[in-house]
Amino acid sequence: MAKKSMIAREDKRTKLAQRYLKKRTGIKAALQLAYKQEEEGDESAGGRILDLQGQLAALPRDSSKSRGRRRCRETGRPHGVYRKFGLGRNKLREYAMSGAIPGLTKASW
């Protein structure tokens, strides 16, 4: 079982990413537009790019979606987590052997 503090930290990151999602995507869209304008030769785009990059850097670090970590729903284990089931490899094997996951069988050849 993972430490409760680590699981709480992941929950906090998820909530923070959801709260800043609109703001972050808006800044990124404006930044992409500014990059295109700079390629086309707009001289004022350089200053806007720096300003937008500063705004993006000013957001909380944990508000980025990529900072999140996939964890097992049962144990909170951070490694060996299967996306399809949301379970760690240990719990997935345990549930599969008990027949709790329909359609999942042990491979043998």
PDB file of N, CA and C in Angstrom:
ATOM      1  N   MET A   1       0.837  -1.178   0.000  1.00  0.00           N
ATOM      2  CA  MET A   1       0.000   0.000   0.000  1.00  0.00           C
ATOM      3  C   MET A   1       0.886   1.247   0.000  1.00  0.00           C
ATOM      4  N   ALA A   2       0.554   2.162  -0.866  1.00  0.00           N
ATOM      5  CA  ALA A   2       1.336   3.394  -0.964  1.00  0.00           C
ATOM      6  C   ALA A   2       1.044   4.295   0.237  1.00  0.00           C
ATOM      7  N   LYS A   3       1.970   5.196   0.491  1.00  0.00           N
ATOM      8  CA  LYS A   3       1.776   6.134   1.586  1.00  0.00           C
ATOM      9  C   LYS A   3       0.560   7.013   1.284  1.00  0.00           C
ATOM     10  N   LYS A   4      -0.193   7.312   2.291  1.00  0.00           N
ATOM     11  CA  LYS A   4      -1.397   8.138   2.130  1.00  0.00           C
ATOM     12  C   LYS A   4      -1.035   9.527   1.605  1.00  0.00           C
ATOM     13  N   SER A   5       0.125  10.030   2.012  1.00  0.00           N
ATOM     14  CA  SER A   5       0.530  11.361   1.575  1.00  0.00           C
ATOM     15  C   SER A   5       0.793  11.400   0.070  1.00  0.00           C
ATOM     16  N   MET A   6       1.323  10.300  -0.481  1.00  0.00           N
ATOM     17  CA  MET A   6       1.598  10.264  -1.919  1.00  0.00           C
ATOM     18  C   MET A   6       0.296  10.217  -2.712  1.00  0.00           C
ATOM     19  N   ILE A   7      -0.653   9.452  -2.212  1.00  0.00           N
ATOM     20  CA  ILE A   7      -1.954   9.373  -2.879  1.00  0.00           C
ATOM     21  C   ILE A   7      -2.653  10.725  -2.802  1.00  0.00           C
ATOM     22  N   ALA A   8      -2.567  11.389  -1.650  1.00  0.00           N
ATOM     23  CA  ALA A   8      -3.176  12.710  -1.484  1.00  0.00           C
ATOM     24  C   ALA A   8      -2.512  13.731  -2.400  1.00  0.00           C
ATOM     25  N   ARG A   9      -1.201  13.612  -2.584  1.00  0.00           N
ATOM     26  CA  ARG A   9      -0.485  14.530  -3.464  1.00  0.00           C
ATOM     27  C   ARG A   9      -0.949  14.372  -4.909  1.00  0.00           C
ATOM     28  N   GLU A  10      -1.172  13.129  -5.323  1.00  0.00           N
ATOM     29  CA  GLU A  10      -1.664  12.885  -6.679  1.00  0.00           C
ATOM     30  C   GLU A  10      -3.063  13.460  -6.865  1.00  0.00           C
ATOM     31  N   ASP A  11      -3.910  13.306  -5.853  1.00  0.00           N
ATOM     32  CA  ASP A  11      -5.262  13.878  -5.928  1.00  0.00           C
ATOM     33  C   ASP A  11      -5.198  15.396  -6.040  1.00  0.00           C
ATOM     34  N   LYS A  12      -4.298  15.987  -5.286  1.00  0.00           N
ATOM     35  CA  LYS A  12      -4.124  17.442  -5.318  1.00  0.00           C
ATOM     36  C   LYS A  12      -3.679  17.899  -6.714  1.00  0.00           C
ATOM     37  N   ARG A  13      -2.737  17.163  -7.306  1.00  0.00           N
ATOM     38  CA  ARG A  13      -2.257  17.506  -8.651  1.00  0.00           C
ATOM     39  C   ARG A  13      -3.374  17.401  -9.682  1.00  0.00           C
ATOM     40  N   THR A  14      -4.199  16.369  -9.559  1.00  0.00           N
ATOM     41  CA  THR A  14      -5.302  16.170 -10.497  1.00  0.00           C
ATOM     42  C   THR A  14      -6.292  17.330 -10.411  1.00  0.00           C
ATOM     43  N   LYS A  15      -6.637  17.723  -9.197  1.00  0.00           N
ATOM     44  CA  LYS A  15      -7.578  18.833  -9.003  1.00  0.00           C
ATOM     45  C   LYS A  15      -7.004  20.145  -9.520  1.00  0.00           C
ATOM     46  N   LEU A  16      -5.716  20.361  -9.270  1.00  0.00           N
ATOM     47  CA  LEU A  16      -5.062  21.588  -9.723  1.00  0.00           C
ATOM     48  C   LEU A  16      -4.999  21.635 -11.244  1.00  0.00           C
ATOM     49  N   ALA A  17      -4.739  20.498 -11.872  1.00  0.00           N
ATOM     50  CA  ALA A  17      -4.685  20.442 -13.340  1.00  0.00           C
ATOM     51  C   ALA A  17      -6.066  20.744 -13.927  1.00  0.00           C
ATOM     52  N   GLN A  18      -7.117  20.241 -13.293  1.00  0.00           N
ATOM     53  CA  GLN A  18      -8.475  20.517 -13.773  1.00  0.00           C
ATOM     54  C   GLN A  18      -8.817  21.996 -13.617  1.00  0.00           C
ATOM     55  N   ARG A  19      -8.382  22.599 -12.508  1.00  0.00           N
ATOM     56  CA  ARG A  19      -8.719  23.999 -12.249  1.00  0.00           C
ATOM     57  C   ARG A  19      -8.056  24.933 -13.265  1.00  0.00           C
ATOM     58  N   TYR A  20      -6.829  24.632 -13.653  1.00  0.00           N
ATOM     59  CA  TYR A  20      -6.081  25.505 -14.559  1.00  0.00           C
ATOM     60  C   TYR A  20      -6.135  25.055 -16.015  1.00  0.00           C
ATOM     61  N   LEU A  21      -6.944  24.061 -16.342  1.00  0.00           N
ATOM     62  CA  LEU A  21      -6.975  23.511 -17.694  1.00  0.00           C
ATOM     63  C   LEU A  21      -7.342  24.565 -18.741  1.00  0.00           C
ATOM     64  N   LYS A  22      -8.422  25.317 -18.514  1.00  0.00           N
ATOM     65  CA  LYS A  22      -8.855  26.323 -19.493  1.00  0.00           C
ATOM     66  C   LYS A  22      -7.806  27.417 -19.681  1.00  0.00           C
ATOM     67  N   LYS A  23      -7.268  27.893 -18.582  1.00  0.00           N
ATOM     68  CA  LYS A  23      -6.278  28.970 -18.656  1.00  0.00           C
ATOM     69  C   LYS A  23      -5.028  28.506 -19.400  1.00  0.00           C
ATOM     70  N   ARG A  24      -4.557  27.301 -19.075  1.00  0.00           N
ATOM     71  CA  ARG A  24      -3.359  26.759 -19.705  1.00  0.00           C
ATOM     72  C   ARG A  24      -3.560  26.545 -21.203  1.00  0.00           C
ATOM     73  N   THR A  25      -4.704  25.969 -21.599  1.00  0.00           N
ATOM     74  CA  THR A  25      -4.955  25.731 -23.024  1.00  0.00           C
ATOM     75  C   THR A  25      -5.122  27.045 -23.783  1.00  0.00           C
ATOM     76  N   GLY A  26      -5.718  28.043 -23.129  1.00  0.00           N
ATOM     77  CA  GLY A  26      -5.854  29.357 -23.770  1.00  0.00           C
ATOM     78  C   GLY A  26      -4.511  29.998 -24.049  1.00  0.00           C
ATOM     79  N   ILE A  27      -3.624  29.929 -23.065  1.00  0.00           N
ATOM     80  CA  ILE A  27      -2.288  30.511 -23.235  1.00  0.00           C
ATOM     81  C   ILE A  27      -1.521  29.758 -24.308  1.00  0.00           C
ATOM     82  N   LYS A  28      -1.636  28.434 -24.316  1.00  0.00           N
ATOM     83  CA  LYS A  28      -0.919  27.637 -25.323  1.00  0.00           C
ATOM     84  C   LYS A  28      -1.433  27.923 -26.730  1.00  0.00           C
ATOM     85  N   ALA A  29      -2.751  28.105 -26.872  1.00  0.00           N
ATOM     86  CA  ALA A  29      -3.314  28.419 -28.190  1.00  0.00           C
ATOM     87  C   ALA A  29      -2.820  29.778 -28.669  1.00  0.00           C
ATOM     88  N   ALA A  30      -2.800  30.762 -27.770  1.00  0.00           N
ATOM     89  CA  ALA A  30      -2.305  32.093 -28.121  1.00  0.00           C
ATOM     90  C   ALA A  30      -0.824  32.040 -28.477  1.00  0.00           C
ATOM     91  N   LEU A  31      -0.095  31.189 -27.786  1.00  0.00           N
ATOM     92  CA  LEU A  31       1.335  31.039 -28.050  1.00  0.00           C
ATOM     93  C   LEU A  31       1.574  30.435 -29.435  1.00  0.00           C
ATOM     94  N   GLN A  32       0.793  29.437 -29.795  1.00  0.00           N
ATOM     95  CA  GLN A  32       0.915  28.836 -31.128  1.00  0.00           C
ATOM     96  C   GLN A  32       0.613  29.869 -32.213  1.00  0.00           C
ATOM     97  N   LEU A  33      -0.410  30.687 -31.977  1.00  0.00           N
ATOM     98  CA  LEU A  33      -0.767  31.740 -32.932  1.00  0.00           C
ATOM     99  C   LEU A  33       0.373  32.750 -33.064  1.00  0.00           C
ATOM    100  N   ALA A  34       0.983  33.112 -31.959  1.00  0.00           N
ATOM    101  CA  ALA A  34       2.094  34.063 -31.979  1.00  0.00           C
ATOM    102  C   ALA A  34       3.300  33.482 -32.722  1.00  0.00           C
ATOM    103  N   TYR A  35       3.553  32.183 -32.530  1.00  0.00           N
ATOM    104  CA  TYR A  35       4.646  31.541 -33.268  1.00  0.00           C
ATOM    105  C   TYR A  35       4.392  31.585 -34.776  1.00  0.00           C
ATOM    106  N   LYS A  36       3.151  31.339 -35.189  1.00  0.00           N
ATOM    107  CA  LYS A  36       2.824  31.397 -36.624  1.00  0.00           C
ATOM    108  C   LYS A  36       3.018  32.805 -37.169  1.00  0.00           C
ATOM    109  N   GLN A  37       2.584  33.791 -36.386  1.00  0.00           N
ATOM    110  CA  GLN A  37       2.722  35.177 -36.837  1.00  0.00           C
ATOM    111  C   GLN A  37       4.194  35.563 -36.936  1.00  0.00           C
ATOM    112  N   GLU A  38       5.012  35.049 -36.051  1.00  0.00           N
ATOM    113  CA  GLU A  38       6.443  35.343 -36.109  1.00  0.00           C
ATOM    114  C   GLU A  38       7.075  34.732 -37.352  1.00  0.00           C
ATOM    115  N   GLU A  39       6.632  33.530 -37.721  1.00  0.00           N
ATOM    116  CA  GLU A  39       7.150  32.889 -38.935  1.00  0.00           C
ATOM    117  C   GLU A  39       6.768  33.675 -40.173  1.00  0.00           C
ATOM    118  N   GLU A  40       5.603  34.295 -40.134  1.00  0.00           N
ATOM    119  CA  GLU A  40       5.136  35.078 -41.285  1.00  0.00           C
ATOM    120  C   GLU A  40       5.822  36.428 -41.374  1.00  0.00           C
ATOM    121  N   GLY A  41       6.592  36.804 -40.360  1.00  0.00           N
ATOM    122  CA  GLY A  41       7.356  38.044 -40.424  1.00  0.00           C
ATOM    123  C   GLY A  41       6.820  39.161 -39.553  1.00  0.00           C
ATOM    124  N   ASP A  42       5.871  38.914 -38.699  1.00  0.00           N
ATOM    125  CA  ASP A  42       5.344  39.936 -37.801  1.00  0.00           C
ATOM    126  C   ASP A  42       6.381  40.222 -36.713  1.00  0.00           C
ATOM    127  N   GLU A  43       6.869  41.473 -36.667  1.00  0.00           N
ATOM    128  CA  GLU A  43       7.942  41.814 -35.738  1.00  0.00           C
ATOM    129  C   GLU A  43       7.458  41.955 -34.298  1.00  0.00           C
ATOM    130  N   SER A  44       6.188  42.260 -34.103  1.00  0.00           N
ATOM    131  CA  SER A  44       5.674  42.462 -32.737  1.00  0.00           C
ATOM    132  C   SER A  44       5.353  41.131 -32.047  1.00  0.00           C
ATOM    133  N   ALA A  45       5.421  40.040 -32.788  1.00  0.00           N
ATOM    134  CA  ALA A  45       5.077  38.737 -32.220  1.00  0.00           C
ATOM    135  C   ALA A  45       6.126  38.269 -31.210  1.00  0.00           C
ATOM    136  N   GLY A  46       7.356  38.698 -31.361  1.00  0.00           N
ATOM    137  CA  GLY A  46       8.419  38.276 -30.453  1.00  0.00           C
ATOM    138  C   GLY A  46       8.159  38.696 -29.015  1.00  0.00           C
ATOM    139  N   GLY A  47       7.700  39.916 -28.843  1.00  0.00           N
ATOM    140  CA  GLY A  47       7.387  40.403 -27.497  1.00  0.00           C
ATOM    141  C   GLY A  47       6.202  39.676 -26.890  1.00  0.00           C
ATOM    142  N   ARG A  48       5.192  39.383 -27.732  1.00  0.00           N
ATOM    143  CA  ARG A  48       4.012  38.658 -27.247  1.00  0.00           C
ATOM    144  C   ARG A  48       4.380  37.234 -26.839  1.00  0.00           C
ATOM    145  N   ILE A  49       5.308  36.629 -27.591  1.00  0.00           N
ATOM    146  CA  ILE A  49       5.744  35.269 -27.265  1.00  0.00           C
ATOM    147  C   ILE A  49       6.396  35.249 -25.884  1.00  0.00           C
ATOM    148  N   LEU A  50       7.265  36.209 -25.624  1.00  0.00           N
ATOM    149  CA  LEU A  50       7.919  36.266 -24.319  1.00  0.00           C
ATOM    150  C   LEU A  50       6.908  36.488 -23.196  1.00  0.00           C
ATOM    151  N   ASP A  51       5.934  37.341 -23.450  1.00  0.00           N
ATOM    152  CA  ASP A  51       4.900  37.613 -22.448  1.00  0.00           C
ATOM    153  C   ASP A  51       4.065  36.352 -22.164  1.00  0.00           C
ATOM    154  N   LEU A  52       3.679  35.652 -23.224  1.00  0.00           N
ATOM    155  CA  LEU A  52       2.874  34.435 -23.056  1.00  0.00           C
ATOM    156  C   LEU A  52       3.672  33.328 -22.380  1.00  0.00           C
ATOM    157  N   GLN A  53       4.941  33.209 -22.707  1.00  0.00           N
ATOM    158  CA  GLN A  53       5.776  32.210 -22.050  1.00  0.00           C
ATOM    159  C   GLN A  53       5.916  32.517 -20.559  1.00  0.00           C
ATOM    160  N   GLY A  54       5.980  33.795 -20.227  1.00  0.00           N
ATOM    161  CA  GLY A  54       6.035  34.199 -18.824  1.00  0.00           C
ATOM    162  C   GLY A  54       4.747  33.856 -18.092  1.00  0.00           C
ATOM    163  N   GLN A  55       3.612  34.057 -18.770  1.00  0.00           N
ATOM    164  CA  GLN A  55       2.323  33.707 -18.167  1.00  0.00           C
ATOM    165  C   GLN A  55       2.233  32.204 -17.919  1.00  0.00           C
ATOM    166  N   LEU A  56       2.711  31.438 -18.874  1.00  0.00           N
ATOM    167  CA  LEU A  56       2.680  29.979 -18.739  1.00  0.00           C
ATOM    168  C   LEU A  56       3.593  29.516 -17.601  1.00  0.00           C
ATOM    169  N   ALA A  57       4.750  30.154 -17.488  1.00  0.00           N
ATOM    170  CA  ALA A  57       5.690  29.796 -16.424  1.00  0.00           C
ATOM    171  C   ALA A  57       5.176  30.224 -15.053  1.00  0.00           C
ATOM    172  N   ALA A  58       4.313  31.239 -15.012  1.00  0.00           N
ATOM    173  CA  ALA A  58       3.791  31.736 -13.741  1.00  0.00           C
ATOM    174  C   ALA A  58       2.717  30.824 -13.154  1.00  0.00           C
ATOM    175  N   LEU A  59       2.159  29.943 -13.971  1.00  0.00           N
ATOM    176  CA  LEU A  59       1.155  29.011 -13.460  1.00  0.00           C
ATOM    177  C   LEU A  59       1.821  28.020 -12.508  1.00  0.00           C
ATOM    178  N   PRO A  60       1.072  27.463 -11.576  1.00  0.00           N
ATOM    179  CA  PRO A  60       1.665  26.477 -10.663  1.00  0.00           C
ATOM    180  C   PRO A  60       2.220  25.284 -11.424  1.00  0.00           C
ATOM    181  N   ARG A  61       3.337  24.784 -10.968  1.00  0.00           N
ATOM    182  CA  ARG A  61       4.007  23.669 -11.641  1.00  0.00           C
ATOM    183  C   ARG A  61       3.116  22.431 -11.698  1.00  0.00           C
ATOM    184  N   ASP A  62       2.409  22.163 -10.616  1.00  0.00           N
ATOM    185  CA  ASP A  62       1.575  20.967 -10.559  1.00  0.00           C
ATOM    186  C   ASP A  62       0.274  21.100 -11.345  1.00  0.00           C
ATOM    187  N   SER A  63       0.040  22.259 -11.969  1.00  0.00           N
ATOM    188  CA  SER A  63      -1.179  22.408 -12.759  1.00  0.00           C
ATOM    189  C   SER A  63      -1.016  21.806 -14.153  1.00  0.00           C
ATOM    190  N   SER A  64       0.179  21.322 -14.457  1.00  0.00           N
ATOM    191  CA  SER A  64       0.410  20.655 -15.729  1.00  0.00           C
ATOM    192  C   SER A  64      -0.088  19.215 -15.641  1.00  0.00           C
ATOM    193  N   LYS A  65      -0.810  18.783 -16.650  1.00  0.00           N
ATOM    194  CA  LYS A  65      -1.378  17.437 -16.659  1.00  0.00           C
ATOM    195  C   LYS A  65      -0.292  16.366 -16.684  1.00  0.00           C
ATOM    196  N   SER A  66       0.828  16.678 -17.284  1.00  0.00           N
ATOM    197  CA  SER A  66       1.892  15.676 -17.419  1.00  0.00           C
ATOM    198  C   SER A  66       2.614  15.384 -16.104  1.00  0.00           C
ATOM    199  N   ARG A  67       2.373  16.180 -15.078  1.00  0.00           N
ATOM    200  CA  ARG A  67       3.015  15.922 -13.782  1.00  0.00           C
ATOM    201  C   ARG A  67       2.308  14.820 -13.008  1.00  0.00           C
ATOM    202  N   GLY A  68       1.097  14.471 -13.443  1.00  0.00           N
ATOM    203  CA  GLY A  68       0.350  13.423 -12.757  1.00  0.00           C
ATOM    204  C   GLY A  68       0.959  12.057 -12.986  1.00  0.00           C
ATOM    205  N   ARG A  69       0.663  11.143 -12.091  1.00  0.00           N
ATOM    206  CA  ARG A  69       1.202   9.788 -12.177  1.00  0.00           C
ATOM    207  C   ARG A  69       0.044   8.807 -12.072  1.00  0.00           C
ATOM    208  N   ARG A  70       0.048   7.818 -12.941  1.00  0.00           N
ATOM    209  CA  ARG A  70      -1.001   6.802 -12.900  1.00  0.00           C
ATOM    210  C   ARG A  70      -0.729   5.863 -11.733  1.00  0.00           C
ATOM    211  N   ARG A  71      -1.726   5.656 -10.893  1.00  0.00           N
ATOM    212  CA  ARG A  71      -1.569   4.792  -9.729  1.00  0.00           C
ATOM    213  C   ARG A  71      -2.677   3.751  -9.701  1.00  0.00           C
ATOM    214  N   CYS A  72      -2.387   2.633  -9.051  1.00  0.00           N
ATOM    215  CA  CYS A  72      -3.365   1.568  -8.872  1.00  0.00           C
ATOM    216  C   CYS A  72      -4.519   2.089  -8.015  1.00  0.00           C
ATOM    217  N   ARG A  73      -5.735   1.794  -8.420  1.00  0.00           N
ATOM    218  CA  ARG A  73      -6.904   2.259  -7.671  1.00  0.00           C
ATOM    219  C   ARG A  73      -7.015   1.601  -6.304  1.00  0.00           C
ATOM    220  N   GLU A  74      -6.564   0.382  -6.202  1.00  0.00           N
ATOM    221  CA  GLU A  74      -6.694  -0.364  -4.948  1.00  0.00           C
ATOM    222  C   GLU A  74      -5.577  -0.051  -3.959  1.00  0.00           C
ATOM    223  N   THR A  75      -4.339  -0.123  -4.435  1.00  0.00           N
ATOM    224  CA  THR A  75      -3.203  -0.021  -3.531  1.00  0.00           C
ATOM    225  C   THR A  75      -2.463   1.301  -3.605  1.00  0.00           C
ATOM    226  N   GLY A  76      -2.618   2.047  -4.686  1.00  0.00           N
ATOM    227  CA  GLY A  76      -1.879   3.294  -4.861  1.00  0.00           C
ATOM    228  C   GLY A  76      -0.487   3.088  -5.413  1.00  0.00           C
ATOM    229  N   ARG A  77      -0.179   1.854  -5.846  1.00  0.00           N
ATOM    230  CA  ARG A  77       1.149   1.531  -6.368  1.00  0.00           C
ATOM    231  C   ARG A  77       1.413   2.326  -7.654  1.00  0.00           C
ATOM    232  N   PRO A  78       2.586   2.987  -7.771  1.00  0.00           N
ATOM    233  CA  PRO A  78       2.841   3.834  -8.929  1.00  0.00           C
ATOM    234  C   PRO A  78       3.416   3.119 -10.151  1.00  0.00           C
ATOM    235  N   HIS A  79       3.984   1.934  -9.962  1.00  0.00           N
ATOM    236  CA  HIS A  79       4.616   1.226 -11.077  1.00  0.00           C
ATOM    237  C   HIS A  79       3.805  -0.011 -11.438  1.00  0.00           C
ATOM    238  N   GLY A  80       3.876  -0.400 -12.693  1.00  0.00           N
ATOM    239  CA  GLY A  80       3.211  -1.621 -13.131  1.00  0.00           C
ATOM    240  C   GLY A  80       1.705  -1.492 -13.144  1.00  0.00           C
ATOM    241  N   VAL A  81       1.194  -0.341 -13.570  1.00  0.00           N
ATOM    242  CA  VAL A  81      -0.248  -0.106 -13.584  1.00  0.00           C
ATOM    243  C   VAL A  81      -0.751  -0.257 -15.016  1.00  0.00           C
ATOM    244  N   TYR A  82      -1.751  -1.090 -15.200  1.00  0.00           N
ATOM    245  CA  TYR A  82      -2.356  -1.301 -16.507  1.00  0.00           C
ATOM    246  C   TYR A  82      -3.442  -0.263 -16.737  1.00  0.00           C
ATOM    247  N   ARG A  83      -3.333   0.478 -17.830  1.00  0.00           N
ATOM    248  CA  ARG A  83      -4.276   1.553 -18.115  1.00  0.00           C
ATOM    249  C   ARG A  83      -5.696   1.046 -18.277  1.00  0.00           C
ATOM    250  N   LYS A  84      -5.841  -0.058 -18.977  1.00  0.00           N
ATOM    251  CA  LYS A  84      -7.171  -0.579 -19.292  1.00  0.00           C
ATOM    252  C   LYS A  84      -7.978  -0.892 -18.038  1.00  0.00           C
ATOM    253  N   PHE A  85      -7.308  -1.355 -16.998  1.00  0.00           N
ATOM    254  CA  PHE A  85      -7.999  -1.771 -15.780  1.00  0.00           C
ATOM    255  C   PHE A  85      -7.817  -0.797 -14.631  1.00  0.00           C
ATOM    256  N   GLY A  86      -6.787   0.030 -14.687  1.00  0.00           N
ATOM    257  CA  GLY A  86      -6.511   0.956 -13.602  1.00  0.00           C
ATOM    258  C   GLY A  86      -5.984   0.264 -12.367  1.00  0.00           C
ATOM    259  N   LEU A  87      -5.454  -0.937 -12.548  1.00  0.00           N
ATOM    260  CA  LEU A  87      -4.951  -1.726 -11.435  1.00  0.00           C
ATOM    261  C   LEU A  87      -3.467  -2.019 -11.618  1.00  0.00           C
ATOM    262  N   GLY A  88      -2.787  -2.201 -10.505  1.00  0.00           N
ATOM    263  CA  GLY A  88      -1.400  -2.616 -10.543  1.00  0.00           C
ATOM    264  C   GLY A  88      -1.323  -4.079 -10.949  1.00  0.00           C
ATOM    265  N   ARG A  89      -0.152  -4.507 -11.367  1.00  0.00           N
ATOM    266  CA  ARG A  89       0.001  -5.869 -11.866  1.00  0.00           C
ATOM    267  C   ARG A  89      -0.341  -6.914 -10.816  1.00  0.00           C
ATOM    268  N   ASN A  90      -0.043  -6.637  -9.555  1.00  0.00           N
ATOM    269  CA  ASN A  90      -0.330  -7.597  -8.488  1.00  0.00           C
ATOM    270  C   ASN A  90      -1.834  -7.785  -8.291  1.00  0.00           C
ATOM    271  N   LYS A  91      -2.546  -6.664  -8.200  1.00  0.00           N
ATOM    272  CA  LYS A  91      -3.994  -6.728  -7.986  1.00  0.00           C
ATOM    273  C   LYS A  91      -4.700  -7.277  -9.227  1.00  0.00           C
ATOM    274  N   LEU A  92      -4.185  -6.952 -10.407  1.00  0.00           N
ATOM    275  CA  LEU A  92      -4.787  -7.466 -11.635  1.00  0.00           C
ATOM    276  C   LEU A  92      -4.681  -8.989 -11.662  1.00  0.00           C
ATOM    277  N   ARG A  93      -3.541  -9.507 -11.311  1.00  0.00           N
ATOM    278  CA  ARG A  93      -3.349 -10.964 -11.279  1.00  0.00           C
ATOM    279  C   ARG A  93      -4.255 -11.605 -10.237  1.00  0.00           C
ATOM    280  N   GLU A  94      -4.355 -10.975  -9.096  1.00  0.00           N
ATOM    281  CA  GLU A  94      -5.198 -11.497  -8.017  1.00  0.00           C
ATOM    282  C   GLU A  94      -6.671 -11.561  -8.449  1.00  0.00           C
ATOM    283  N   TYR A  95      -7.161 -10.476  -9.054  1.00  0.00           N
ATOM    284  CA  TYR A  95      -8.556 -10.441  -9.499  1.00  0.00           C
ATOM    285  C   TYR A  95      -8.811 -11.383 -10.667  1.00  0.00           C
ATOM    286  N   ALA A  96      -7.832 -11.499 -11.572  1.00  0.00           N
ATOM    287  CA  ALA A  96      -7.992 -12.389 -12.717  1.00  0.00           C
ATOM    288  C   ALA A  96      -8.064 -13.840 -12.259  1.00  0.00           C
ATOM    289  N   MET A  97      -7.246 -14.208 -11.301  1.00  0.00           N
ATOM    290  CA  MET A  97      -7.245 -15.587 -10.805  1.00  0.00           C
ATOM    291  C   MET A  97      -8.532 -15.935 -10.063  1.00  0.00           C
ATOM    292  N   SER A  98      -9.121 -14.945  -9.422  1.00  0.00           N
ATOM    293  CA  SER A  98     -10.367 -15.206  -8.698  1.00  0.00           C
ATOM    294  C   SER A  98     -11.585 -15.104  -9.618  1.00  0.00           C
ATOM    295  N   GLY A  99     -11.379 -14.669 -10.871  1.00  0.00           N
ATOM    296  CA  GLY A  99     -12.474 -14.573 -11.832  1.00  0.00           C
ATOM    297  C   GLY A  99     -13.289 -13.301 -11.704  1.00  0.00           C
ATOM    298  N   ALA A 100     -12.740 -12.297 -11.062  1.00  0.00           N
ATOM    299  CA  ALA A 100     -13.458 -11.043 -10.836  1.00  0.00           C
ATOM    300  C   ALA A 100     -13.485 -10.141 -12.072  1.00  0.00           C
ATOM    301  N   ILE A 101     -12.593 -10.401 -13.038  1.00  0.00           N
ATOM    302  CA  ILE A 101     -12.553  -9.586 -14.254  1.00  0.00           C
ATOM    303  C   ILE A 101     -13.078 -10.440 -15.409  1.00  0.00           C
ATOM    304  N   PRO A 102     -14.274 -10.160 -15.912  1.00  0.00           N
ATOM    305  CA  PRO A 102     -14.848 -10.978 -16.964  1.00  0.00           C
ATOM    306  C   PRO A 102     -14.037 -10.926 -18.263  1.00  0.00           C
ATOM    307  N   GLY A 103     -13.844 -12.073 -18.868  1.00  0.00           N
ATOM    308  CA  GLY A 103     -13.146 -12.144 -20.145  1.00  0.00           C
ATOM    309  C   GLY A 103     -11.648 -12.226 -20.044  1.00  0.00           C
ATOM    310  N   LEU A 104     -11.109 -12.095 -18.876  1.00  0.00           N
ATOM    311  CA  LEU A 104      -9.663 -12.143 -18.695  1.00  0.00           C
ATOM    312  C   LEU A 104      -9.269 -13.512 -18.177  1.00  0.00           C
ATOM    313  N   THR A 105      -8.421 -14.186 -18.968  1.00  0.00           N
ATOM    314  CA  THR A 105      -7.981 -15.530 -18.583  1.00  0.00           C
ATOM    315  C   THR A 105      -6.461 -15.575 -18.604  1.00  0.00           C
ATOM    316  N   LYS A 106      -5.927 -16.525 -17.897  1.00  0.00           N
ATOM    317  CA  LYS A 106      -4.489 -16.717 -17.873  1.00  0.00           C
ATOM    318  C   LYS A 106      -4.050 -17.360 -19.187  1.00  0.00           C
ATOM    319  N   ALA A 107      -3.010 -16.823 -19.769  1.00  0.00           N
ATOM    320  CA  ALA A 107      -2.517 -17.358 -21.026  1.00  0.00           C
ATOM    321  C   ALA A 107      -1.695 -18.623 -20.765  1.00  0.00           C
ATOM    322  N   SER A 108      -1.895 -19.609 -21.620  1.00  0.00           N
ATOM    323  CA  SER A 108      -1.036 -20.792 -21.563  1.00  0.00           C
ATOM    324  C   SER A 108      -0.915 -21.364 -22.971  1.00  0.00           C
ATOM    325  N   TRP A 109       0.278 -21.690 -23.367  1.00  0.00           N
ATOM    326  CA  TRP A 109       0.493 -22.227 -24.694  1.00  0.00           C
ATOM    327  C   TRP A 109       1.614 -23.227 -24.702  1.00  0.00           C
TER     328      TRP A 109
END
